[in-house]
Amino acid sequence: MKSGLLGQLAITFATMSLAAIGGANAVLPEMHRQVVTVHGWANDATFANLFAIAQAAPGPNIMIVSLIGWQLAGPIGLAVATLAICLPSSLLTFAISRVRRRLLEASWLKILQMALMPIPIGLMAASGLIMARAADSTTLAILLTTAATVFVGFTQRNPLWALVAGGLAGGTSFMILGS
């Protein structure tokens, strides 16, 4: 049973690794779909909590994959999931960088790079939407997410201010409501 799970973890995350244009958060909607809907390894709340822990912890944003692996199969699951998400894209990047170095001045390559730019931006926006839908289960949470989105989208201020304000507002309302 455990080896079957480890194989599923490896295949699932290795496939996502090759599609992670713009980083791990770009494949977050697909990761959510695979982990919650397809495999049933976690529910929405657990996935949102693992994402929050991964984002709050120092280190790469890919840590959510390691946490999913850890939750499912302990240290071996962590190792399998982490290697599966990191190794394929790293090997592909290494190979492409060697070819790219030879073609650095090619005009078609510059055009291709500019044409691909909207893809990671769209994938990251979709990630934000998926995480908001998974985490926002109360009216207050929806209001805080909306306010933080507006703040980050329309000001030049550091996004950490939105995080602090949301934490304070959520904690204050938690204490006021006695929940």
Protein backbone atom coordinates (compact mmCIF):
# COMPACT_ATOMS: atom_id res chain seq x y z
CA MET A 1 0.00 0.00 0.00
CA LYS A 2 2.71 2.49 1.00
CA SER A 3 4.79 1.83 -2.14
CA GLY A 4 1.68 2.45 -4.26
CA LEU A 5 1.11 5.73 -2.48
CA LEU A 6 4.75 6.72 -2.91
CA GLY A 7 4.51 5.93 -6.63
CA GLN A 8 1.37 8.07 -6.92
CA LEU A 9 3.11 10.91 -5.07
CA ALA A 10 6.13 10.67 -7.37
CA ILE A 11 4.11 10.61 -10.60
CA THR A 12 1.71 13.34 -9.49
CA PHE A 13 4.39 15.80 -8.41
CA ALA A 14 6.90 14.95 -11.15
CA THR A 15 4.25 15.76 -13.74
CA MET A 16 3.44 19.05 -12.02
CA SER A 17 7.14 19.86 -11.82
CA LEU A 18 7.34 20.03 -15.59
CA ALA A 19 4.34 22.38 -15.78
CA ALA A 20 5.47 24.74 -13.00
CA ILE A 21 6.27 27.68 -15.25
CA GLY A 22 6.86 30.55 -12.85
CA GLY A 23 7.37 28.40 -9.76
CA ALA A 24 5.41 26.04 -7.58
CA ASN A 25 2.58 28.47 -6.89
CA ALA A 26 1.81 28.44 -10.61
CA VAL A 27 0.64 24.83 -10.36
CA LEU A 28 -1.24 25.31 -7.10
CA PRO A 29 -4.68 24.95 -8.71
CA GLU A 30 -3.67 21.62 -10.27
CA MET A 31 -1.97 20.57 -7.03
CA HIS A 32 -5.19 21.32 -5.14
CA ARG A 33 -7.22 19.37 -7.70
CA GLN A 34 -4.90 16.36 -7.54
CA VAL A 35 -4.50 16.31 -3.75
CA VAL A 36 -8.11 17.09 -2.80
CA THR A 37 -10.35 16.01 -5.67
CA VAL A 38 -8.52 13.30 -7.62
CA HIS A 39 -6.62 11.40 -4.90
CA GLY A 40 -8.52 12.51 -1.79
CA TRP A 41 -5.26 12.84 0.16
CA ALA A 42 -6.57 15.94 1.98
CA ASN A 43 -9.68 18.09 2.24
CA ASP A 44 -9.88 21.82 1.41
CA ALA A 45 -9.16 22.94 4.96
CA THR A 46 -6.13 20.67 5.36
CA PHE A 47 -4.74 21.77 2.00
CA ALA A 48 -5.22 25.43 2.93
CA ASN A 49 -3.54 24.85 6.29
CA LEU A 50 -0.57 23.09 4.68
CA PHE A 51 -0.27 25.96 2.20
CA ALA A 52 -0.37 28.52 5.02
CA ILE A 53 2.34 26.66 6.95
CA ALA A 54 4.49 26.42 3.82
CA GLN A 55 4.11 30.13 3.10
CA ALA A 56 4.76 31.20 6.69
CA ALA A 57 7.86 29.07 7.08
CA PRO A 58 11.19 30.34 5.81
CA GLY A 59 12.37 28.64 2.67
CA PRO A 60 11.05 27.93 -0.79
CA ASN A 61 7.33 28.10 -1.60
CA ILE A 62 7.54 24.50 -2.83
CA MET A 63 7.49 23.37 0.80
CA ILE A 64 3.76 22.59 0.51
CA VAL A 65 4.67 19.53 -1.54
CA SER A 66 7.04 18.34 1.17
CA LEU A 67 4.34 18.85 3.81
CA ILE A 68 1.82 16.87 1.76
CA GLY A 69 4.35 14.04 1.39
CA TRP A 70 5.10 14.15 5.12
CA GLN A 71 1.41 14.04 6.06
CA LEU A 72 0.75 11.07 3.78
CA ALA A 73 3.83 8.91 4.33
CA GLY A 74 6.12 10.48 6.92
CA PRO A 75 9.79 11.15 6.15
CA ILE A 76 9.84 8.85 3.11
CA GLY A 77 6.80 10.62 1.67
CA LEU A 78 8.48 13.97 2.27
CA ALA A 79 11.60 12.82 0.39
CA VAL A 80 9.67 11.30 -2.52
CA ALA A 81 7.35 14.29 -2.95
CA THR A 82 10.19 16.82 -2.67
CA LEU A 83 12.43 15.00 -5.16
CA ALA A 84 9.50 14.50 -7.54
CA ILE A 85 8.63 18.21 -7.63
CA CYS A 86 12.24 19.43 -7.78
CA LEU A 87 14.21 16.95 -9.89
CA PRO A 88 12.39 16.93 -13.27
CA SER A 89 12.17 20.71 -13.58
CA SER A 90 15.75 21.13 -12.37
CA LEU A 91 17.07 18.70 -14.98
CA LEU A 92 14.97 20.33 -17.70
CA THR A 93 16.15 23.80 -16.66
CA PHE A 94 19.76 22.66 -16.72
CA ALA A 95 19.40 21.22 -20.23
CA ILE A 96 17.55 24.26 -21.57
CA SER A 97 20.04 26.69 -20.03
CA ARG A 98 22.87 24.96 -21.88
CA VAL A 99 21.00 25.27 -25.18
CA ARG A 100 19.86 28.83 -24.40
CA ARG A 101 23.41 29.97 -23.77
CA ARG A 102 24.23 29.07 -27.38
CA LEU A 103 21.14 30.90 -28.68
CA LEU A 104 21.32 33.96 -26.42
CA GLU A 105 21.11 36.50 -29.25
CA ALA A 106 18.45 34.69 -31.31
CA SER A 107 15.52 37.05 -31.90
CA TRP A 108 12.96 34.22 -31.92
CA LEU A 109 14.05 33.23 -28.40
CA LYS A 110 13.44 36.76 -27.10
CA ILE A 111 10.01 36.78 -28.76
CA LEU A 112 9.20 33.38 -27.25
CA GLN A 113 10.22 34.58 -23.77
CA MET A 114 7.97 37.63 -24.05
CA ALA A 115 5.09 35.55 -25.43
CA LEU A 116 5.31 33.10 -22.51
CA MET A 117 5.32 35.84 -19.84
CA PRO A 118 1.49 35.92 -19.34
CA ILE A 119 1.40 32.18 -18.58
CA PRO A 120 3.02 32.27 -15.12
CA ILE A 121 1.12 35.45 -14.26
CA GLY A 122 -2.20 33.78 -15.10
CA LEU A 123 -1.23 30.58 -13.28
CA MET A 124 -0.29 32.53 -10.14
CA ALA A 125 -3.59 34.47 -10.27
CA ALA A 126 -5.47 31.17 -10.55
CA SER A 127 -3.49 29.89 -7.55
CA GLY A 128 -4.63 32.85 -5.49
CA LEU A 129 -8.24 32.23 -6.45
CA ILE A 130 -8.06 28.52 -5.61
CA MET A 131 -6.48 29.20 -2.22
CA ALA A 132 -9.01 31.91 -1.42
CA ARG A 133 -11.87 29.56 -2.25
CA ALA A 134 -10.32 26.76 -0.16
CA ALA A 135 -9.55 28.94 2.87
CA ASP A 136 -12.40 31.46 2.97
CA SER A 137 -15.20 29.71 4.80
CA THR A 138 -16.64 32.69 6.71
CA THR A 139 -17.81 36.16 5.76
CA LEU A 140 -14.95 37.71 7.74
CA ALA A 141 -12.39 35.57 5.90
CA ILE A 142 -13.86 36.61 2.54
CA LEU A 143 -13.78 40.29 3.56
CA LEU A 144 -10.17 40.01 4.77
CA THR A 145 -9.09 38.29 1.57
CA THR A 146 -10.85 40.90 -0.57
CA ALA A 147 -9.33 43.77 1.40
CA ALA A 148 -5.84 42.25 1.21
CA THR A 149 -6.22 41.69 -2.54
CA VAL A 150 -7.28 45.29 -3.11
CA PHE A 151 -4.48 46.59 -0.87
CA VAL A 152 -1.78 44.55 -2.62
CA GLY A 153 -3.19 45.19 -6.09
CA PHE A 154 -3.65 48.93 -5.86
CA THR A 155 -0.87 50.17 -3.58
CA GLN A 156 2.89 50.06 -3.71
CA ARG A 157 3.12 49.08 -0.05
CA ASN A 158 4.77 45.91 1.18
CA PRO A 159 2.26 42.97 1.10
CA LEU A 160 3.35 42.03 4.62
CA TRP A 161 1.22 44.94 5.88
CA ALA A 162 -1.85 43.16 4.51
CA LEU A 163 -0.76 39.96 6.22
CA VAL A 164 -0.29 41.74 9.57
CA ALA A 165 -3.62 43.59 9.26
CA GLY A 166 -5.45 40.39 8.32
CA GLY A 167 -3.89 38.54 11.24
CA LEU A 168 -4.83 41.29 13.67
CA ALA A 169 -8.36 41.63 12.29
CA GLY A 170 -8.90 37.88 12.30
CA GLY A 171 -7.45 37.47 15.79
CA THR A 172 -9.42 40.42 17.17
CA SER A 173 -12.71 39.17 15.74
CA PHE A 174 -11.88 35.70 17.02
CA MET A 175 -11.49 37.10 20.55
CA ILE A 176 -14.59 39.35 20.28
CA LEU A 177 -16.80 36.53 19.04
CA GLY A 178 -15.43 34.19 21.70
CA SER A 179 -14.84 31.43 19.18
